[in-house]
């Protein structure tokens, strides 16, 4: 399996599975609600850091296709960040 496919799976499936898990197992009280939001924020920041390191490495290697893949991987993270913001607002 190519490396960029593994990173796409990680960037797309981990947030989706975590959001689905929290949707199927809702928070019992305000403390659980806050903990779920913090866990989703931590995952989003970790994946953002992962993608940014990949982007910088591709830029330093002057690898245009890898750089394009890394830039496109920011889109699912922006959507997940939007969902986390919506999770806290609702």
C-alpha atoms as a PDB file:
ATOM      1  CA  UNK A   1       0.000   0.000   0.000  1.00  0.00           C
ATOM      2  CA  UNK A   2       1.476   3.390  -0.972  1.00  0.00           C
ATOM      3  CA  UNK A   3       2.422   5.763   1.835  1.00  0.00           C
ATOM      4  CA  UNK A   4       0.123   8.548   0.650  1.00  0.00           C
ATOM      5  CA  UNK A   5      -2.831   6.130   0.699  1.00  0.00           C
ATOM      6  CA  UNK A   6      -2.083   5.204   4.318  1.00  0.00           C
ATOM      7  CA  UNK A   7      -1.986   8.841   5.305  1.00  0.00           C
ATOM      8  CA  UNK A   8      -5.254   9.509   3.444  1.00  0.00           C
ATOM      9  CA  UNK A   9      -6.879   6.670   5.340  1.00  0.00           C
ATOM     10  CA  UNK A  10      -5.583   8.026   8.651  1.00  0.00           C
ATOM     11  CA  UNK A  11      -6.638  11.603   7.936  1.00  0.00           C
ATOM     12  CA  UNK A  12     -10.115  10.656   6.695  1.00  0.00           C
ATOM     13  CA  UNK A  13     -11.069   7.609   8.748  1.00  0.00           C
ATOM     14  CA  UNK A  14      -9.817   8.503  12.228  1.00  0.00           C
ATOM     15  CA  UNK A  15     -11.916  11.681  12.561  1.00  0.00           C
ATOM     16  CA  UNK A  16     -14.910   9.982  10.968  1.00  0.00           C
ATOM     17  CA  UNK A  17     -14.727   6.989  13.293  1.00  0.00           C
ATOM     18  CA  UNK A  18     -14.226   9.160  16.372  1.00  0.00           C
ATOM     19  CA  UNK A  19     -17.156  11.441  15.504  1.00  0.00           C
ATOM     20  CA  UNK A  20     -19.309   8.384  14.797  1.00  0.00           C
ATOM     21  CA  UNK A  21     -18.302   6.816  18.120  1.00  0.00           C
ATOM     22  CA  UNK A  22     -19.238   9.957  20.028  1.00  0.00           C
ATOM     23  CA  UNK A  23     -22.505  10.259  18.077  1.00  0.00           C
ATOM     24  CA  UNK A  24     -23.474   6.672  18.918  1.00  0.00           C
ATOM     25  CA  UNK A  25     -22.353   7.025  22.563  1.00  0.00           C
ATOM     26  CA  UNK A  26     -23.554  10.507  23.548  1.00  0.00           C
ATOM     27  CA  UNK A  27     -22.250  12.335  26.587  1.00  0.00           C
ATOM     28  CA  UNK A  28     -24.140  11.712  29.810  1.00  0.00           C
ATOM     29  CA  UNK A  29     -23.423  15.117  31.343  1.00  0.00           C
ATOM     30  CA  UNK A  30     -21.601  18.387  30.668  1.00  0.00           C
ATOM     31  CA  UNK A  31     -18.244  16.995  31.797  1.00  0.00           C
ATOM     32  CA  UNK A  32     -18.397  14.115  29.321  1.00  0.00           C
ATOM     33  CA  UNK A  33     -19.486  16.542  26.622  1.00  0.00           C
ATOM     34  CA  UNK A  34     -16.419  18.683  27.279  1.00  0.00           C
ATOM     35  CA  UNK A  35     -14.127  15.643  27.359  1.00  0.00           C
ATOM     36  CA  UNK A  36     -15.437  14.432  24.005  1.00  0.00           C
ATOM     37  CA  UNK A  37     -14.814  17.861  22.505  1.00  0.00           C
ATOM     38  CA  UNK A  38     -11.289  18.032  23.910  1.00  0.00           C
ATOM     39  CA  UNK A  39     -10.500  14.558  22.565  1.00  0.00           C
ATOM     40  CA  UNK A  40     -11.714  15.580  19.103  1.00  0.00           C
ATOM     41  CA  UNK A  41      -9.651  18.806  19.279  1.00  0.00           C
ATOM     42  CA  UNK A  42      -6.553  16.827  20.243  1.00  0.00           C
ATOM     43  CA  UNK A  43      -7.054  14.430  17.334  1.00  0.00           C
ATOM     44  CA  UNK A  44      -7.534  17.325  14.925  1.00  0.00           C
ATOM     45  CA  UNK A  45      -4.359  19.052  16.138  1.00  0.00           C
ATOM     46  CA  UNK A  46      -2.349  15.811  16.016  1.00  0.00           C
ATOM     47  CA  UNK A  47      -3.463  15.085  12.455  1.00  0.00           C
ATOM     48  CA  UNK A  48      -2.836  18.689  11.441  1.00  0.00           C
ATOM     49  CA  UNK A  49       0.697  18.429  12.801  1.00  0.00           C
ATOM     50  CA  UNK A  50       1.168  15.135  10.931  1.00  0.00           C
ATOM     51  CA  UNK A  51       0.011  16.655   7.637  1.00  0.00           C
ATOM     52  CA  UNK A  52       2.090  19.801   8.107  1.00  0.00           C
ATOM     53  CA  UNK A  53       5.250  17.756   8.766  1.00  0.00           C
ATOM     54  CA  UNK A  54       4.503  15.758   5.615  1.00  0.00           C
ATOM     55  CA  UNK A  55       4.009  19.000   3.702  1.00  0.00           C
ATOM     56  CA  UNK A  56       7.289  20.490   4.920  1.00  0.00           C
ATOM     57  CA  UNK A  57       9.175  17.264   4.153  1.00  0.00           C
ATOM     58  CA  UNK A  58       7.734  17.184   0.622  1.00  0.00           C
ATOM     59  CA  UNK A  59       8.632  20.841   0.132  1.00  0.00           C
ATOM     60  CA  UNK A  60      12.219  20.256   1.258  1.00  0.00           C
ATOM     61  CA  UNK A  61      12.534  17.235  -1.057  1.00  0.00           C
ATOM     62  CA  UNK A  62      10.944  19.300  -3.848  1.00  0.00           C
ATOM     63  CA  UNK A  63       8.447  16.501  -4.429  1.00  0.00           C
ATOM     64  CA  UNK A  64       5.486  18.203  -6.120  1.00  0.00           C
ATOM     65  CA  UNK A  65       3.033  15.239  -6.097  1.00  0.00           C
ATOM     66  CA  UNK A  66       3.626  14.568  -2.384  1.00  0.00           C
ATOM     67  CA  UNK A  67       3.217  18.261  -1.662  1.00  0.00           C
ATOM     68  CA  UNK A  68      -0.091  18.316  -3.552  1.00  0.00           C
ATOM     69  CA  UNK A  69      -1.310  15.247  -1.633  1.00  0.00           C
ATOM     70  CA  UNK A  70      -0.392  16.884   1.674  1.00  0.00           C
ATOM     71  CA  UNK A  71      -2.186  20.092   0.750  1.00  0.00           C
ATOM     72  CA  UNK A  72      -5.300  18.146  -0.221  1.00  0.00           C
ATOM     73  CA  UNK A  73      -5.197  16.309   3.103  1.00  0.00           C
ATOM     74  CA  UNK A  74      -5.844  19.613   4.820  1.00  0.00           C
ATOM     75  CA  UNK A  75      -9.410  19.639   3.430  1.00  0.00           C
ATOM     76  CA  UNK A  76     -10.765  16.766   5.567  1.00  0.00           C
ATOM     77  CA  UNK A  77      -9.045  18.313   8.580  1.00  0.00           C
ATOM     78  CA  UNK A  78     -10.759  21.642   7.924  1.00  0.00           C
ATOM     79  CA  UNK A  79     -14.092  19.838   7.754  1.00  0.00           C
ATOM     80  CA  UNK A  80     -13.355  18.011  10.999  1.00  0.00           C
ATOM     81  CA  UNK A  81     -12.301  21.271  12.658  1.00  0.00           C
ATOM     82  CA  UNK A  82     -15.600  22.782  11.536  1.00  0.00           C
ATOM     83  CA  UNK A  83     -17.468  19.836  13.018  1.00  0.00           C
ATOM     84  CA  UNK A  84     -15.620  20.255  16.324  1.00  0.00           C
ATOM     85  CA  UNK A  85     -16.599  23.934  16.394  1.00  0.00           C
ATOM     86  CA  UNK A  86     -20.212  22.956  15.625  1.00  0.00           C
ATOM     87  CA  UNK A  87     -20.037  20.309  18.392  1.00  0.00           C
ATOM     88  CA  UNK A  88     -19.160  22.971  20.953  1.00  0.00           C
ATOM     89  CA  UNK A  89     -21.717  25.514  19.683  1.00  0.00           C
ATOM     90  CA  UNK A  90     -24.755  23.271  19.671  1.00  0.00           C
END
